[in-house]
Amino acid sequence: MTANGCIVLAIVLCMFLKPSFAGFEKRNLFPNVTVTVANDRDKDVFCMCKGSKFSDALHVLKAGERLSYVFTQIAFPMRWCYLYIDDNKQGFFWAYTVRSRCTMCFWSIKEQPYLYRPDRNRWERQKLYRPPSLMIKGKEDQKPRL
């Protein structure tokens, strides 16, 4: 075997003996994001979040209850939640966007939704977006209906 052959063989062996960091790089490139929505009110609210098991219908989020879901961030994902607090406070909010700057996104539902911003070490009130054509009517003890 020639000297060049030995060098090539050594390089090939080193490639196979080197531990793989593919899983580590994949996690950094496409991190898992956890969104948690907590009802911190003393009354029930109704919630529906895209990408969660509650994405096809309104779910009763009882006082003190939380709902969490996990997804993998690929490219620029956007996840929304619809929230019904009462007839005057209802609409969509962005549960996750790249601008949220979180991989553990914590939401507190009080009179409005609040997102905890760890980069600023504070809770920030978020806006509820209400499409003009969508109106859900309900009473305190009944499920809202379209």
C-alpha atoms as a PDB file:
ATOM      1  CA  MET A   1       0.000   0.000   0.000  1.00  0.00           C
ATOM      2  CA  THR A   2       1.339   3.399  -0.922  1.00  0.00           C
ATOM      3  CA  ALA A   3       1.601   6.419   1.361  1.00  0.00           C
ATOM      4  CA  ASN A   4      -1.358   8.084  -0.395  1.00  0.00           C
ATOM      5  CA  GLY A   5      -3.430   4.935   0.076  1.00  0.00           C
ATOM      6  CA  CYS A   6      -2.644   4.915   3.801  1.00  0.00           C
ATOM      7  CA  ILE A   7      -3.660   8.554   4.150  1.00  0.00           C
ATOM      8  CA  VAL A   8      -6.978   7.958   2.353  1.00  0.00           C
ATOM      9  CA  LEU A   9      -7.651   4.871   4.503  1.00  0.00           C
ATOM     10  CA  ALA A  10      -6.900   6.863   7.686  1.00  0.00           C
ATOM     11  CA  ILE A  11      -9.270   9.672   6.635  1.00  0.00           C
ATOM     12  CA  VAL A  12     -12.074   7.211   5.835  1.00  0.00           C
ATOM     13  CA  LEU A  13     -11.614   5.434   9.178  1.00  0.00           C
ATOM     14  CA  CYS A  14     -11.670   8.758  11.038  1.00  0.00           C
ATOM     15  CA  MET A  15     -14.943   9.683   9.339  1.00  0.00           C
ATOM     16  CA  PHE A  16     -16.583   6.489  10.563  1.00  0.00           C
ATOM     17  CA  LEU A  17     -15.119   6.671  14.064  1.00  0.00           C
ATOM     18  CA  LYS A  18     -16.094  10.332  14.615  1.00  0.00           C
ATOM     19  CA  PRO A  19     -19.251  10.687  16.752  1.00  0.00           C
ATOM     20  CA  SER A  20     -22.232  12.072  14.878  1.00  0.00           C
ATOM     21  CA  PHE A  21     -23.611  15.479  15.812  1.00  0.00           C
ATOM     22  CA  ALA A  22     -26.491  15.247  13.325  1.00  0.00           C
ATOM     23  CA  GLY A  23     -29.117  15.060  16.082  1.00  0.00           C
ATOM     24  CA  PHE A  24     -27.577  18.024  17.882  1.00  0.00           C
ATOM     25  CA  GLU A  25     -27.425  20.091  14.696  1.00  0.00           C
ATOM     26  CA  LYS A  26     -30.998  19.150  13.803  1.00  0.00           C
ATOM     27  CA  ARG A  27     -32.236  20.321  17.231  1.00  0.00           C
ATOM     28  CA  ASN A  28     -30.423  23.631  16.814  1.00  0.00           C
ATOM     29  CA  LEU A  29     -31.629  24.103  13.264  1.00  0.00           C
ATOM     30  CA  PHE A  30     -35.217  22.905  13.871  1.00  0.00           C
ATOM     31  CA  PRO A  31     -35.921  23.289  17.614  1.00  0.00           C
ATOM     32  CA  ASN A  32     -39.010  21.961  19.319  1.00  0.00           C
ATOM     33  CA  VAL A  33     -41.293  24.725  20.577  1.00  0.00           C
ATOM     34  CA  THR A  34     -43.651  24.238  23.516  1.00  0.00           C
ATOM     35  CA  VAL A  35     -46.667  26.532  23.800  1.00  0.00           C
ATOM     36  CA  THR A  36     -48.489  26.591  27.146  1.00  0.00           C
ATOM     37  CA  VAL A  37     -51.745  28.499  27.610  1.00  0.00           C
ATOM     38  CA  ALA A  38     -52.868  28.893  31.243  1.00  0.00           C
ATOM     39  CA  ASN A  39     -56.284  30.124  32.342  1.00  0.00           C
ATOM     40  CA  ASP A  40     -55.368  32.375  35.270  1.00  0.00           C
ATOM     41  CA  ARG A  41     -58.917  33.693  35.627  1.00  0.00           C
ATOM     42  CA  ASP A  42     -61.517  32.560  38.132  1.00  0.00           C
ATOM     43  CA  LYS A  43     -63.907  31.664  35.267  1.00  0.00           C
ATOM     44  CA  ASP A  44     -63.731  29.242  32.366  1.00  0.00           C
ATOM     45  CA  VAL A  45     -62.626  30.429  28.932  1.00  0.00           C
ATOM     46  CA  PHE A  46     -62.953  28.758  25.555  1.00  0.00           C
ATOM     47  CA  CYS A  47     -59.851  28.130  23.516  1.00  0.00           C
ATOM     48  CA  MET A  48     -58.854  26.594  20.177  1.00  0.00           C
ATOM     49  CA  CYS A  49     -55.188  26.456  19.071  1.00  0.00           C
ATOM     50  CA  LYS A  50     -53.825  25.553  15.639  1.00  0.00           C
ATOM     51  CA  GLY A  51     -51.406  22.642  15.790  1.00  0.00           C
ATOM     52  CA  SER A  52     -52.718  21.278  19.090  1.00  0.00           C
ATOM     53  CA  LYS A  53     -55.191  18.499  19.810  1.00  0.00           C
ATOM     54  CA  PHE A  54     -57.728  21.318  20.278  1.00  0.00           C
ATOM     55  CA  SER A  55     -57.417  22.699  16.739  1.00  0.00           C
ATOM     56  CA  ASP A  56     -60.778  21.553  15.364  1.00  0.00           C
ATOM     57  CA  ALA A  57     -63.206  22.864  17.998  1.00  0.00           C
ATOM     58  CA  LEU A  58     -63.457  25.142  21.006  1.00  0.00           C
ATOM     59  CA  HIS A  59     -62.188  23.557  24.206  1.00  0.00           C
ATOM     60  CA  VAL A  60     -63.292  24.590  27.696  1.00  0.00           C
ATOM     61  CA  LEU A  61     -60.230  25.723  29.603  1.00  0.00           C
ATOM     62  CA  LYS A  62     -61.377  25.659  33.209  1.00  0.00           C
ATOM     63  CA  ALA A  63     -60.126  28.146  35.794  1.00  0.00           C
ATOM     64  CA  GLY A  64     -56.546  27.232  36.713  1.00  0.00           C
ATOM     65  CA  GLU A  65     -56.221  24.717  33.870  1.00  0.00           C
ATOM     66  CA  ARG A  66     -53.428  24.686  31.277  1.00  0.00           C
ATOM     67  CA  LEU A  67     -53.087  23.334  27.797  1.00  0.00           C
ATOM     68  CA  SER A  68     -49.714  22.631  26.186  1.00  0.00           C
ATOM     69  CA  TYR A  69     -48.577  21.435  22.800  1.00  0.00           C
ATOM     70  CA  VAL A  70     -45.248  20.923  21.071  1.00  0.00           C
ATOM     71  CA  PHE A  71     -44.247  21.403  17.448  1.00  0.00           C
ATOM     72  CA  THR A  72     -41.005  21.564  15.498  1.00  0.00           C
ATOM     73  CA  GLN A  73     -40.024  24.986  14.227  1.00  0.00           C
ATOM     74  CA  ILE A  74     -39.275  24.645  10.525  1.00  0.00           C
ATOM     75  CA  ALA A  75     -38.795  27.837   8.484  1.00  0.00           C
ATOM     76  CA  PHE A  76     -41.217  30.485   9.798  1.00  0.00           C
ATOM     77  CA  PRO A  77     -44.078  28.734  11.591  1.00  0.00           C
ATOM     78  CA  MET A  78     -46.991  30.720  12.927  1.00  0.00           C
ATOM     79  CA  ARG A  79     -49.389  29.254  15.447  1.00  0.00           C
ATOM     80  CA  TRP A  80     -52.581  30.993  16.484  1.00  0.00           C
ATOM     81  CA  CYS A  81     -55.148  30.456  19.195  1.00  0.00           C
ATOM     82  CA  TYR A  82     -58.743  31.618  19.275  1.00  0.00           C
ATOM     83  CA  LEU A  83     -59.829  32.762  22.707  1.00  0.00           C
ATOM     84  CA  TYR A  84     -63.345  33.453  23.957  1.00  0.00           C
ATOM     85  CA  ILE A  85     -63.340  35.221  27.320  1.00  0.00           C
ATOM     86  CA  ASP A  86     -66.799  36.803  27.015  1.00  0.00           C
ATOM     87  CA  ASP A  87     -68.960  38.428  24.317  1.00  0.00           C
ATOM     88  CA  ASN A  88     -66.776  41.550  24.317  1.00  0.00           C
ATOM     89  CA  LYS A  89     -63.377  39.856  24.645  1.00  0.00           C
ATOM     90  CA  GLN A  90     -62.801  37.285  21.966  1.00  0.00           C
ATOM     91  CA  GLY A  91     -60.517  36.850  19.012  1.00  0.00           C
ATOM     92  CA  PHE A  92     -57.299  35.356  17.716  1.00  0.00           C
ATOM     93  CA  PHE A  93     -53.810  35.879  19.076  1.00  0.00           C
ATOM     94  CA  TRP A  94     -50.465  34.691  17.771  1.00  0.00           C
ATOM     95  CA  ALA A  95     -49.445  31.921  20.182  1.00  0.00           C
ATOM     96  CA  TYR A  96     -46.125  31.589  18.345  1.00  0.00           C
ATOM     97  CA  THR A  97     -44.245  33.510  15.689  1.00  0.00           C
ATOM     98  CA  VAL A  98     -40.511  33.757  15.139  1.00  0.00           C
ATOM     99  CA  ARG A  99     -40.676  37.224  16.726  1.00  0.00           C
ATOM    100  CA  SER A 100     -41.897  35.608  19.972  1.00  0.00           C
ATOM    101  CA  ARG A 101     -38.271  34.577  20.575  1.00  0.00           C
ATOM    102  CA  CYS A 102     -39.184  31.615  22.724  1.00  0.00           C
ATOM    103  CA  THR A 103     -38.935  27.851  22.570  1.00  0.00           C
ATOM    104  CA  MET A 104     -40.937  27.592  25.788  1.00  0.00           C
ATOM    105  CA  CYS A 105     -43.793  30.045  25.213  1.00  0.00           C
ATOM    106  CA  PHE A 106     -45.931  30.725  28.305  1.00  0.00           C
ATOM    107  CA  TRP A 107     -49.299  32.445  27.973  1.00  0.00           C
ATOM    108  CA  SER A 108     -51.413  33.665  30.868  1.00  0.00           C
ATOM    109  CA  ILE A 109     -55.074  34.367  30.157  1.00  0.00           C
ATOM    110  CA  LYS A 110     -56.498  37.003  32.469  1.00  0.00           C
ATOM    111  CA  GLU A 111     -58.709  39.767  31.068  1.00  0.00           C
ATOM    112  CA  GLN A 112     -56.445  39.629  27.983  1.00  0.00           C
ATOM    113  CA  PRO A 113     -53.743  37.187  26.843  1.00  0.00           C
ATOM    114  CA  TYR A 114     -50.257  37.869  28.228  1.00  0.00           C
ATOM    115  CA  LEU A 115     -47.021  36.391  26.844  1.00  0.00           C
ATOM    116  CA  TYR A 116     -44.034  35.971  29.137  1.00  0.00           C
ATOM    117  CA  ARG A 117     -40.955  37.450  27.429  1.00  0.00           C
ATOM    118  CA  PRO A 118     -37.843  35.879  29.008  1.00  0.00           C
ATOM    119  CA  ASP A 119     -35.595  38.162  26.942  1.00  0.00           C
ATOM    120  CA  ARG A 120     -37.236  41.148  28.696  1.00  0.00           C
ATOM    121  CA  ASN A 121     -38.091  39.356  31.953  1.00  0.00           C
ATOM    122  CA  ARG A 122     -41.719  40.524  31.948  1.00  0.00           C
ATOM    123  CA  TRP A 123     -45.276  39.695  30.880  1.00  0.00           C
ATOM    124  CA  GLU A 124     -46.589  41.594  27.859  1.00  0.00           C
ATOM    125  CA  ARG A 125     -50.240  42.031  26.978  1.00  0.00           C
ATOM    126  CA  GLN A 126     -51.085  40.835  23.483  1.00  0.00           C
ATOM    127  CA  LYS A 127     -53.894  41.953  21.245  1.00  0.00           C
ATOM    128  CA  LEU A 128     -56.919  39.856  20.333  1.00  0.00           C
ATOM    129  CA  TYR A 129     -57.658  40.110  16.608  1.00  0.00           C
ATOM    130  CA  ARG A 130     -61.338  39.832  15.836  1.00  0.00           C
ATOM    131  CA  PRO A 131     -62.352  39.330  12.218  1.00  0.00           C
ATOM    132  CA  PRO A 132     -65.405  41.470  11.452  1.00  0.00           C
ATOM    133  CA  SER A 133     -67.365  38.539  10.030  1.00  0.00           C
ATOM    134  CA  LEU A 134     -66.816  36.237  13.020  1.00  0.00           C
ATOM    135  CA  MET A 135     -69.065  36.644  16.023  1.00  0.00           C
ATOM    136  CA  ILE A 136     -69.499  33.998  18.674  1.00  0.00           C
ATOM    137  CA  LYS A 137     -72.352  34.469  21.103  1.00  0.00           C
ATOM    138  CA  GLY A 138     -72.457  32.820  24.494  1.00  0.00           C
ATOM    139  CA  LYS A 139     -73.554  33.086  28.059  1.00  0.00           C
ATOM    140  CA  GLU A 140     -71.451  32.576  31.154  1.00  0.00           C
ATOM    141  CA  ASP A 141     -72.806  29.046  31.750  1.00  0.00           C
ATOM    142  CA  GLN A 142     -73.119  27.930  28.116  1.00  0.00           C
ATOM    143  CA  LYS A 143     -70.724  27.013  25.382  1.00  0.00           C
ATOM    144  CA  PRO A 144     -70.354  29.749  22.806  1.00  0.00           C
ATOM    145  CA  ARG A 145     -71.849  29.060  19.400  1.00  0.00           C
ATOM    146  CA  LEU A 146     -71.251  30.431  15.940  1.00  0.00           C
END
